[in-house]
């Protein structure tokens, strides 16, 4: 008996979520100087967002019977914001890391700074809308609250203390792991029409 396609999609999305959460934790450990910054950890950093795209699509697929316009808008905005964050991670890890602080400040004072700010604000707004859509679709409440709340210090990282950012990253990883477990369990349920 073959695994129904939706169950396979949910399992793949769960794995993508777990990989995203693992990389978020690696990035957090790097920020806290528990892990060294190396070319490998710098190249690994953007993969958290890339895997998050598959995870978010899986959450949407899991809500196929209870989808709303709010959920669809949240998904589209979240995909756009996380795609932008891939670029942000590349800039932070593969460009800023090799420049002098004065050069980074100059770049942030120009259009790049505006783009980074827009990406951060879009991330917060999109995550809140997506979490609200998932909430209405019956997704587990606690990880959704963790997910949405964590986006505020992450999106406002330039304005919050480092410890708040690190705690938010850990909370985000926990929420993603929890929701990924839910996706995996959903994939094990018998398929219904």
N, C-alpha and C. Protein backbone atom coordinates (compact mmCIF):
# COMPACT_ATOMS: atom_id res chain seq x y z
N UNK A 1 0.86 -1.18 0.00
CA UNK A 1 0.00 0.00 0.00
C UNK A 1 0.90 1.23 0.00
N UNK A 2 0.65 2.13 -0.95
CA UNK A 2 1.50 3.32 -1.05
C UNK A 2 0.99 4.42 -0.14
N UNK A 3 1.91 5.24 0.27
CA UNK A 3 1.59 6.38 1.13
C UNK A 3 0.88 7.43 0.30
N UNK A 4 -0.32 7.88 0.71
CA UNK A 4 -1.00 8.93 -0.05
C UNK A 4 -0.09 10.16 -0.17
N UNK A 5 -0.25 10.85 -1.29
CA UNK A 5 0.61 11.99 -1.59
C UNK A 5 0.57 13.05 -0.50
N UNK A 6 -0.61 13.36 0.03
CA UNK A 6 -0.71 14.39 1.07
C UNK A 6 0.07 13.97 2.31
N UNK A 7 0.02 12.70 2.67
CA UNK A 7 0.77 12.24 3.84
C UNK A 7 2.27 12.39 3.61
N UNK A 8 2.72 12.09 2.41
CA UNK A 8 4.13 12.27 2.08
C UNK A 8 4.51 13.74 2.15
N UNK A 9 3.65 14.61 1.62
CA UNK A 9 3.92 16.05 1.66
C UNK A 9 4.02 16.55 3.10
N UNK A 10 3.13 16.06 3.96
CA UNK A 10 3.16 16.49 5.36
C UNK A 10 4.43 15.99 6.05
N UNK A 11 4.85 14.78 5.75
CA UNK A 11 6.09 14.27 6.35
C UNK A 11 7.30 15.07 5.88
N UNK A 12 7.34 15.37 4.59
CA UNK A 12 8.45 16.18 4.07
C UNK A 12 8.45 17.57 4.69
N UNK A 13 7.27 18.15 4.87
CA UNK A 13 7.17 19.47 5.50
C UNK A 13 7.63 19.41 6.95
N UNK A 14 7.28 18.32 7.65
CA UNK A 14 7.72 18.15 9.04
C UNK A 14 9.24 18.08 9.10
N UNK A 15 9.85 17.31 8.20
CA UNK A 15 11.31 17.20 8.17
C UNK A 15 11.93 18.56 7.86
N UNK A 16 11.33 19.29 6.91
CA UNK A 16 11.83 20.64 6.59
C UNK A 16 11.75 21.53 7.82
N UNK A 17 10.68 21.41 8.59
CA UNK A 17 10.54 22.20 9.82
C UNK A 17 11.62 21.85 10.83
N UNK A 18 11.85 20.56 11.00
CA UNK A 18 12.90 20.15 11.96
C UNK A 18 14.27 20.63 11.53
N UNK A 19 14.55 20.56 10.23
CA UNK A 19 15.84 21.06 9.73
C UNK A 19 15.96 22.56 9.93
N UNK A 20 14.87 23.28 9.66
CA UNK A 20 14.87 24.73 9.87
C UNK A 20 15.13 25.06 11.33
N UNK A 21 14.43 24.37 12.23
CA UNK A 21 14.62 24.62 13.67
C UNK A 21 16.04 24.31 14.10
N UNK A 22 16.61 23.23 13.59
CA UNK A 22 17.99 22.87 13.95
C UNK A 22 18.96 23.97 13.52
N UNK A 23 18.76 24.50 12.33
CA UNK A 23 19.65 25.55 11.83
C UNK A 23 19.44 26.84 12.61
N UNK A 24 18.19 27.13 12.98
CA UNK A 24 17.93 28.30 13.83
C UNK A 24 18.72 28.18 15.13
N UNK A 25 18.73 26.98 15.71
CA UNK A 25 19.48 26.77 16.96
C UNK A 25 20.99 26.89 16.74
N UNK A 26 21.48 26.41 15.61
CA UNK A 26 22.91 26.58 15.28
C UNK A 26 23.22 28.07 15.15
N UNK A 27 22.36 28.80 14.45
CA UNK A 27 22.56 30.25 14.29
C UNK A 27 22.55 30.96 15.64
N UNK A 28 21.65 30.52 16.52
CA UNK A 28 21.56 31.12 17.86
C UNK A 28 22.83 30.83 18.66
N UNK A 29 23.30 29.59 18.59
CA UNK A 29 24.53 29.22 19.30
C UNK A 29 25.73 29.99 18.75
N UNK A 30 25.71 30.25 17.46
CA UNK A 30 26.79 31.04 16.84
C UNK A 30 26.74 32.48 17.35
N UNK A 31 25.53 33.05 17.41
CA UNK A 31 25.37 34.43 17.92
C UNK A 31 25.83 34.53 19.37
N UNK A 32 25.56 33.47 20.16
CA UNK A 32 25.93 33.46 21.58
C UNK A 32 27.38 33.06 21.78
N UNK A 33 28.10 32.83 20.68
CA UNK A 33 29.51 32.43 20.69
C UNK A 33 29.73 31.08 21.38
N UNK A 34 28.69 30.24 21.38
CA UNK A 34 28.83 28.86 21.84
C UNK A 34 29.47 28.04 20.73
N UNK A 35 29.09 28.33 19.50
CA UNK A 35 29.71 27.74 18.32
C UNK A 35 30.53 28.81 17.61
N UNK A 36 31.64 28.43 17.02
CA UNK A 36 32.43 29.44 16.30
C UNK A 36 31.77 29.81 14.97
N UNK A 37 32.07 31.02 14.52
CA UNK A 37 31.64 31.43 13.19
C UNK A 37 32.67 30.89 12.21
N UNK A 38 32.21 30.04 11.33
CA UNK A 38 33.08 29.42 10.32
C UNK A 38 32.40 29.56 8.96
N UNK A 39 33.14 29.31 7.89
CA UNK A 39 32.47 29.32 6.57
C UNK A 39 31.27 28.37 6.52
N UNK A 40 31.35 27.24 7.20
CA UNK A 40 30.24 26.29 7.18
C UNK A 40 29.02 26.87 7.89
N UNK A 41 29.21 27.45 9.08
CA UNK A 41 28.05 28.01 9.80
C UNK A 41 27.49 29.23 9.06
N UNK A 42 28.35 29.97 8.37
CA UNK A 42 27.86 31.10 7.59
C UNK A 42 27.05 30.64 6.38
N UNK A 43 27.49 29.58 5.72
CA UNK A 43 26.74 29.05 4.57
C UNK A 43 25.46 28.35 5.01
N UNK A 44 25.48 27.79 6.21
CA UNK A 44 24.32 27.08 6.74
C UNK A 44 23.18 28.04 7.12
N UNK A 45 23.51 29.24 7.55
CA UNK A 45 22.52 30.18 8.10
C UNK A 45 21.30 30.39 7.21
N UNK A 46 21.43 30.68 5.92
CA UNK A 46 20.23 30.94 5.10
C UNK A 46 19.36 29.70 4.89
N UNK A 47 19.90 28.52 5.13
CA UNK A 47 19.11 27.30 4.93
C UNK A 47 17.93 27.22 5.89
N UNK A 48 18.01 27.90 7.04
CA UNK A 48 16.87 27.90 7.97
C UNK A 48 15.63 28.45 7.27
N UNK A 49 15.77 29.53 6.54
CA UNK A 49 14.64 30.13 5.85
C UNK A 49 14.22 29.29 4.64
N UNK A 50 15.18 28.70 3.96
CA UNK A 50 14.85 27.87 2.79
C UNK A 50 14.02 26.66 3.23
N UNK A 51 14.44 25.99 4.30
CA UNK A 51 13.64 24.87 4.81
C UNK A 51 12.30 25.36 5.37
N UNK A 52 12.27 26.57 5.93
CA UNK A 52 11.03 27.12 6.48
C UNK A 52 9.96 27.26 5.40
N UNK A 53 10.36 27.51 4.18
CA UNK A 53 9.39 27.63 3.08
C UNK A 53 8.63 26.31 2.91
N UNK A 54 9.34 25.20 2.90
CA UNK A 54 8.68 23.89 2.80
C UNK A 54 7.80 23.61 4.00
N UNK A 55 8.27 23.99 5.17
CA UNK A 55 7.49 23.82 6.41
C UNK A 55 6.18 24.61 6.34
N UNK A 56 6.26 25.87 5.92
CA UNK A 56 5.05 26.70 5.85
C UNK A 56 4.05 26.18 4.82
N UNK A 57 4.55 25.67 3.72
CA UNK A 57 3.66 25.08 2.72
C UNK A 57 2.96 23.85 3.30
N UNK A 58 3.69 23.07 4.09
CA UNK A 58 3.09 21.90 4.73
C UNK A 58 1.98 22.27 5.69
N UNK A 59 2.19 23.34 6.46
CA UNK A 59 1.11 23.80 7.35
C UNK A 59 -0.14 24.16 6.56
N UNK A 60 0.07 24.80 5.43
CA UNK A 60 -1.06 25.18 4.57
C UNK A 60 -1.77 23.93 4.03
N UNK A 61 -1.00 22.96 3.58
CA UNK A 61 -1.57 21.71 3.07
C UNK A 61 -2.36 21.00 4.16
N UNK A 62 -1.84 21.02 5.38
CA UNK A 62 -2.52 20.34 6.50
C UNK A 62 -3.88 20.96 6.79
N UNK A 63 -4.05 22.22 6.42
CA UNK A 63 -5.32 22.92 6.68
C UNK A 63 -6.22 22.91 5.45
N UNK A 64 -6.04 21.96 4.56
CA UNK A 64 -6.74 21.98 3.28
C UNK A 64 -8.27 21.98 3.41
N UNK A 65 -8.80 21.43 4.49
CA UNK A 65 -10.26 21.37 4.66
C UNK A 65 -10.81 22.61 5.36
N UNK A 66 -9.96 23.40 5.95
CA UNK A 66 -10.45 24.54 6.74
C UNK A 66 -9.79 25.85 6.31
N UNK A 67 -9.31 25.90 5.09
CA UNK A 67 -8.61 27.10 4.62
C UNK A 67 -9.54 28.30 4.55
N UNK A 68 -8.94 29.45 4.82
CA UNK A 68 -9.68 30.71 4.72
C UNK A 68 -8.85 31.69 3.89
N UNK A 69 -9.48 32.79 3.52
CA UNK A 69 -8.74 33.84 2.81
C UNK A 69 -7.60 34.38 3.65
N UNK A 70 -7.84 34.49 4.96
CA UNK A 70 -6.80 34.97 5.87
C UNK A 70 -5.59 34.06 5.83
N UNK A 71 -5.83 32.76 5.83
CA UNK A 71 -4.72 31.79 5.80
C UNK A 71 -3.95 31.90 4.49
N UNK A 72 -4.66 32.05 3.38
CA UNK A 72 -3.99 32.16 2.08
C UNK A 72 -3.16 33.44 2.00
N UNK A 73 -3.72 34.55 2.46
CA UNK A 73 -2.97 35.82 2.47
C UNK A 73 -1.74 35.68 3.38
N UNK A 74 -1.93 35.06 4.54
CA UNK A 74 -0.81 34.84 5.46
C UNK A 74 0.28 33.99 4.85
N UNK A 75 -0.12 32.94 4.12
CA UNK A 75 0.88 32.08 3.47
C UNK A 75 1.66 32.87 2.43
N UNK A 76 0.96 33.59 1.56
CA UNK A 76 1.64 34.34 0.50
C UNK A 76 2.58 35.38 1.10
N UNK A 77 2.11 36.11 2.10
CA UNK A 77 2.97 37.11 2.74
C UNK A 77 4.14 36.46 3.45
N UNK A 78 3.91 35.32 4.09
CA UNK A 78 4.99 34.62 4.79
C UNK A 78 6.03 34.10 3.81
N UNK A 79 5.58 33.54 2.70
CA UNK A 79 6.54 33.06 1.69
C UNK A 79 7.38 34.22 1.15
N UNK A 80 6.74 35.35 0.92
CA UNK A 80 7.47 36.53 0.44
C UNK A 80 8.48 37.00 1.48
N UNK A 81 8.04 37.07 2.75
CA UNK A 81 8.94 37.59 3.78
C UNK A 81 10.10 36.64 4.05
N UNK A 82 9.83 35.37 4.09
CA UNK A 82 10.91 34.40 4.36
C UNK A 82 11.86 34.34 3.17
N UNK A 83 11.34 34.49 1.97
CA UNK A 83 12.23 34.57 0.80
C UNK A 83 13.15 35.78 0.90
N UNK A 84 12.59 36.91 1.34
CA UNK A 84 13.43 38.11 1.54
C UNK A 84 14.47 37.86 2.62
N UNK A 85 14.09 37.12 3.66
CA UNK A 85 15.04 36.84 4.75
C UNK A 85 16.19 35.93 4.31
N UNK A 86 15.97 35.14 3.26
CA UNK A 86 17.09 34.37 2.71
C UNK A 86 18.17 35.35 2.25
N UNK A 87 17.75 36.38 1.53
CA UNK A 87 18.70 37.40 1.09
C UNK A 87 19.35 38.12 2.25
N UNK A 88 18.56 38.42 3.28
CA UNK A 88 19.10 39.08 4.47
C UNK A 88 20.20 38.23 5.09
N UNK A 89 19.94 36.94 5.24
CA UNK A 89 20.94 36.04 5.84
C UNK A 89 22.20 35.96 5.00
N UNK A 90 22.06 35.94 3.67
CA UNK A 90 23.24 35.94 2.82
C UNK A 90 24.05 37.21 3.03
N UNK A 91 23.38 38.36 3.08
CA UNK A 91 24.08 39.63 3.28
C UNK A 91 24.79 39.65 4.63
N UNK A 92 24.07 39.28 5.69
CA UNK A 92 24.66 39.33 7.04
C UNK A 92 25.83 38.36 7.18
N UNK A 93 25.66 37.14 6.68
CA UNK A 93 26.66 36.11 6.90
C UNK A 93 27.78 36.07 5.87
N UNK A 94 27.50 36.50 4.64
CA UNK A 94 28.50 36.35 3.59
C UNK A 94 29.01 37.67 3.04
N UNK A 95 28.43 38.79 3.49
CA UNK A 95 28.92 40.10 3.06
C UNK A 95 29.38 40.90 4.28
N UNK A 96 28.44 41.19 5.18
CA UNK A 96 28.79 42.01 6.36
C UNK A 96 29.92 41.39 7.17
N UNK A 97 29.96 40.08 7.24
CA UNK A 97 30.99 39.41 8.06
C UNK A 97 32.40 39.70 7.56
N UNK A 98 32.54 40.13 6.31
CA UNK A 98 33.86 40.35 5.73
C UNK A 98 34.17 41.83 5.50
N UNK A 99 33.30 42.70 6.02
CA UNK A 99 33.51 44.14 5.86
C UNK A 99 33.86 44.78 7.19
N UNK A 100 34.48 45.92 7.11
CA UNK A 100 34.75 46.73 8.30
C UNK A 100 33.43 47.31 8.81
N UNK A 101 33.32 47.54 10.12
CA UNK A 101 32.07 48.11 10.67
C UNK A 101 31.65 49.41 9.98
N UNK A 102 32.58 50.25 9.60
CA UNK A 102 32.22 51.51 8.93
C UNK A 102 31.58 51.24 7.57
N UNK A 103 32.07 50.22 6.86
CA UNK A 103 31.48 49.86 5.57
C UNK A 103 30.05 49.33 5.75
N UNK A 104 29.86 48.53 6.78
CA UNK A 104 28.52 47.99 7.08
C UNK A 104 27.58 49.14 7.40
N UNK A 105 28.04 50.09 8.20
CA UNK A 105 27.21 51.25 8.55
C UNK A 105 26.83 52.05 7.31
N UNK A 106 27.77 52.21 6.40
CA UNK A 106 27.51 52.94 5.15
C UNK A 106 26.45 52.21 4.33
N UNK A 107 26.57 50.90 4.22
CA UNK A 107 25.59 50.13 3.46
C UNK A 107 24.21 50.19 4.11
N UNK A 108 24.18 50.11 5.43
CA UNK A 108 22.89 50.16 6.15
C UNK A 108 22.25 51.55 6.07
N UNK A 109 23.05 52.57 5.84
CA UNK A 109 22.50 53.93 5.73
C UNK A 109 21.85 54.18 4.37
N UNK A 110 22.10 53.31 3.41
CA UNK A 110 21.54 53.48 2.07
C UNK A 110 20.32 52.60 1.83
N UNK A 111 20.05 52.28 0.56
CA UNK A 111 18.88 51.49 0.19
C UNK A 111 18.89 50.08 0.81
N UNK A 112 20.08 49.53 1.06
CA UNK A 112 20.13 48.21 1.69
C UNK A 112 19.50 48.26 3.08
N UNK A 113 19.76 49.32 3.82
CA UNK A 113 19.16 49.46 5.15
C UNK A 113 17.64 49.49 5.07
N UNK A 114 17.13 50.20 4.06
CA UNK A 114 15.68 50.25 3.86
C UNK A 114 15.14 48.86 3.53
N UNK A 115 15.83 48.16 2.66
CA UNK A 115 15.39 46.81 2.28
C UNK A 115 15.41 45.87 3.49
N UNK A 116 16.43 45.97 4.33
CA UNK A 116 16.50 45.12 5.53
C UNK A 116 15.35 45.44 6.48
N UNK A 117 15.03 46.72 6.62
CA UNK A 117 13.93 47.12 7.50
C UNK A 117 12.59 46.62 6.96
N UNK A 118 12.37 46.78 5.67
CA UNK A 118 11.12 46.31 5.05
C UNK A 118 10.99 44.80 5.22
N UNK A 119 12.07 44.06 4.99
CA UNK A 119 12.02 42.60 5.16
C UNK A 119 11.67 42.22 6.59
N UNK A 120 12.21 42.94 7.55
CA UNK A 120 11.94 42.64 8.96
C UNK A 120 10.49 42.94 9.33
N UNK A 121 9.98 44.07 8.89
CA UNK A 121 8.59 44.43 9.20
C UNK A 121 7.62 43.47 8.50
N UNK A 122 7.90 43.14 7.25
CA UNK A 122 7.07 42.19 6.52
C UNK A 122 7.06 40.83 7.23
N UNK A 123 8.22 40.42 7.74
CA UNK A 123 8.31 39.14 8.47
C UNK A 123 7.37 39.14 9.67
N UNK A 124 7.37 40.20 10.44
CA UNK A 124 6.50 40.28 11.63
C UNK A 124 5.03 40.24 11.21
N UNK A 125 4.65 41.11 10.30
CA UNK A 125 3.25 41.20 9.88
C UNK A 125 2.77 39.89 9.25
N UNK A 126 3.58 39.32 8.37
CA UNK A 126 3.20 38.09 7.69
C UNK A 126 3.04 36.94 8.68
N UNK A 127 3.95 36.85 9.63
CA UNK A 127 3.89 35.76 10.61
C UNK A 127 2.64 35.87 11.47
N UNK A 128 2.29 37.08 11.86
CA UNK A 128 1.09 37.28 12.68
C UNK A 128 -0.17 36.91 11.88
N UNK A 129 -0.24 37.34 10.63
CA UNK A 129 -1.40 37.02 9.80
C UNK A 129 -1.48 35.51 9.55
N UNK A 130 -0.34 34.88 9.25
CA UNK A 130 -0.33 33.44 9.00
C UNK A 130 -0.72 32.67 10.26
N UNK A 131 -0.18 33.08 11.40
CA UNK A 131 -0.54 32.41 12.66
C UNK A 131 -2.03 32.57 12.94
N UNK A 132 -2.59 33.75 12.65
CA UNK A 132 -4.03 33.96 12.85
C UNK A 132 -4.84 33.06 11.92
N UNK A 133 -4.41 32.93 10.68
CA UNK A 133 -5.09 32.04 9.74
C UNK A 133 -5.01 30.59 10.17
N UNK A 134 -3.84 30.17 10.65
CA UNK A 134 -3.67 28.80 11.15
C UNK A 134 -4.52 28.58 12.40
N UNK A 135 -4.60 29.59 13.25
CA UNK A 135 -5.42 29.52 14.47
C UNK A 135 -6.87 29.24 14.08
N UNK A 136 -7.37 30.02 13.12
CA UNK A 136 -8.76 29.84 12.67
C UNK A 136 -8.98 28.49 12.03
N UNK A 137 -7.91 27.90 11.49
CA UNK A 137 -8.02 26.59 10.84
C UNK A 137 -7.87 25.44 11.83
N UNK A 138 -7.64 25.76 13.10
CA UNK A 138 -7.59 24.71 14.12
C UNK A 138 -6.21 24.18 14.45
N UNK A 139 -5.16 24.86 14.01
CA UNK A 139 -3.80 24.42 14.35
C UNK A 139 -3.58 24.60 15.86
N UNK A 140 -2.62 23.87 16.44
CA UNK A 140 -2.36 23.98 17.89
C UNK A 140 -2.05 25.41 18.31
N UNK A 141 -2.69 25.85 19.37
CA UNK A 141 -2.63 27.26 19.78
C UNK A 141 -1.28 27.68 20.39
N UNK A 142 -0.76 26.90 21.30
CA UNK A 142 0.46 27.31 22.02
C UNK A 142 1.64 27.54 21.07
N UNK A 143 1.93 26.61 20.15
CA UNK A 143 3.06 26.90 19.26
C UNK A 143 2.79 28.07 18.32
N UNK A 144 1.52 28.30 17.99
CA UNK A 144 1.21 29.47 17.14
C UNK A 144 1.49 30.77 17.88
N UNK A 145 1.14 30.81 19.16
CA UNK A 145 1.42 32.00 19.96
C UNK A 145 2.93 32.20 20.08
N UNK A 146 3.67 31.12 20.36
CA UNK A 146 5.14 31.19 20.43
C UNK A 146 5.72 31.70 19.11
N UNK A 147 5.23 31.14 18.02
CA UNK A 147 5.71 31.50 16.68
C UNK A 147 5.50 32.99 16.42
N UNK A 148 4.26 33.45 16.62
CA UNK A 148 3.96 34.86 16.34
C UNK A 148 4.71 35.79 17.29
N UNK A 149 4.75 35.46 18.57
CA UNK A 149 5.42 36.33 19.55
C UNK A 149 6.92 36.41 19.28
N UNK A 150 7.52 35.31 18.86
CA UNK A 150 8.96 35.29 18.61
C UNK A 150 9.36 36.20 17.45
N UNK A 151 8.45 36.41 16.52
CA UNK A 151 8.82 37.22 15.36
C UNK A 151 9.08 38.69 15.70
N UNK A 152 8.48 39.18 16.78
CA UNK A 152 8.68 40.59 17.13
C UNK A 152 10.13 40.91 17.47
N UNK A 153 10.76 40.22 18.46
CA UNK A 153 12.17 40.53 18.73
C UNK A 153 13.09 40.16 17.57
N UNK A 154 12.71 39.14 16.81
CA UNK A 154 13.56 38.75 15.66
C UNK A 154 13.49 39.84 14.59
N UNK A 155 12.30 40.28 14.26
CA UNK A 155 12.15 41.33 13.25
C UNK A 155 12.70 42.67 13.69
N UNK A 156 12.68 42.91 15.00
CA UNK A 156 13.20 44.17 15.54
C UNK A 156 14.59 43.99 16.16
N UNK A 157 15.35 43.07 15.63
CA UNK A 157 16.64 42.68 16.23
C UNK A 157 17.58 43.84 16.49
N UNK A 158 17.51 44.88 15.69
CA UNK A 158 18.40 46.02 15.89
C UNK A 158 18.00 46.86 17.10
N UNK A 159 16.78 46.65 17.60
CA UNK A 159 16.26 47.48 18.68
C UNK A 159 16.13 46.75 20.02
N UNK A 160 16.38 45.45 20.04
CA UNK A 160 16.20 44.68 21.27
C UNK A 160 17.55 44.18 21.78
N UNK A 161 17.65 43.91 23.07
CA UNK A 161 18.90 43.36 23.60
C UNK A 161 19.18 41.98 22.98
N UNK A 162 20.44 41.65 22.89
CA UNK A 162 20.85 40.37 22.30
C UNK A 162 20.19 39.18 22.97
N UNK A 163 20.06 39.22 24.30
CA UNK A 163 19.45 38.09 25.02
C UNK A 163 17.99 37.91 24.60
N UNK A 164 17.27 38.99 24.35
CA UNK A 164 15.88 38.90 23.89
C UNK A 164 15.80 38.26 22.51
N UNK A 165 16.75 38.63 21.65
CA UNK A 165 16.80 38.04 20.32
C UNK A 165 17.08 36.55 20.41
N UNK A 166 18.04 36.17 21.24
CA UNK A 166 18.38 34.75 21.35
C UNK A 166 17.24 33.93 21.94
N UNK A 167 16.55 34.48 22.94
CA UNK A 167 15.39 33.78 23.51
C UNK A 167 14.28 33.65 22.47
N UNK A 168 14.08 34.67 21.66
CA UNK A 168 13.07 34.61 20.61
C UNK A 168 13.42 33.56 19.57
N UNK A 169 14.69 33.46 19.21
CA UNK A 169 15.11 32.44 18.25
C UNK A 169 14.87 31.03 18.79
N UNK A 170 15.15 30.83 20.06
CA UNK A 170 14.90 29.52 20.68
C UNK A 170 13.40 29.25 20.72
N UNK A 171 12.60 30.25 21.06
CA UNK A 171 11.14 30.09 21.08
C UNK A 171 10.61 29.76 19.68
N UNK A 172 11.14 30.44 18.67
CA UNK A 172 10.74 30.16 17.29
C UNK A 172 11.08 28.73 16.92
N UNK A 173 12.29 28.29 17.26
CA UNK A 173 12.69 26.91 16.96
C UNK A 173 11.77 25.92 17.66
N UNK A 174 11.43 26.19 18.91
CA UNK A 174 10.53 25.30 19.66
C UNK A 174 9.15 25.24 19.00
N UNK A 175 8.64 26.39 18.58
CA UNK A 175 7.33 26.42 17.91
C UNK A 175 7.36 25.62 16.61
N UNK A 176 8.43 25.77 15.86
CA UNK A 176 8.56 25.06 14.58
C UNK A 176 8.66 23.55 14.83
N UNK A 177 9.42 23.14 15.84
CA UNK A 177 9.51 21.72 16.17
C UNK A 177 8.13 21.18 16.55
N UNK A 178 7.43 21.90 17.41
CA UNK A 178 6.10 21.48 17.87
C UNK A 178 5.13 21.34 16.70
N UNK A 179 5.09 22.35 15.84
CA UNK A 179 4.20 22.30 14.68
C UNK A 179 4.62 21.21 13.70
N UNK A 180 5.92 20.93 13.61
CA UNK A 180 6.40 19.85 12.74
C UNK A 180 5.96 18.49 13.27
N UNK A 181 5.99 18.33 14.58
CA UNK A 181 5.48 17.08 15.19
C UNK A 181 4.00 16.92 14.83
N UNK A 182 3.26 18.01 14.90
CA UNK A 182 1.84 17.98 14.54
C UNK A 182 1.66 17.56 13.09
N UNK A 183 2.49 18.10 12.19
CA UNK A 183 2.42 17.71 10.78
C UNK A 183 2.70 16.22 10.61
N UNK A 184 3.72 15.74 11.30
CA UNK A 184 4.09 14.32 11.19
C UNK A 184 2.94 13.44 11.69
N UNK A 185 2.36 13.82 12.81
CA UNK A 185 1.24 13.05 13.36
C UNK A 185 0.05 13.09 12.41
N UNK A 186 -0.19 14.23 11.80
CA UNK A 186 -1.29 14.36 10.84
C UNK A 186 -1.06 13.44 9.64
N UNK A 187 0.19 13.27 9.25
CA UNK A 187 0.52 12.39 8.12
C UNK A 187 0.24 10.93 8.45
N UNK A 188 0.24 10.59 9.73
CA UNK A 188 0.00 9.21 10.14
C UNK A 188 -1.51 8.89 10.23
N UNK A 189 -2.35 9.92 10.21
CA UNK A 189 -3.79 9.69 10.29
C UNK A 189 -4.27 9.05 8.99
N UNK A 190 -5.29 8.22 9.08
CA UNK A 190 -5.84 7.61 7.86
C UNK A 190 -6.35 8.69 6.90
N UNK A 191 -6.09 8.49 5.63
CA UNK A 191 -6.53 9.46 4.63
C UNK A 191 -8.04 9.39 4.47
N UNK A 192 -8.64 10.57 4.40
CA UNK A 192 -10.09 10.64 4.13
C UNK A 192 -10.30 11.54 2.94
N UNK A 193 -11.40 11.34 2.28
CA UNK A 193 -11.66 12.12 1.06
C UNK A 193 -12.08 13.52 1.36
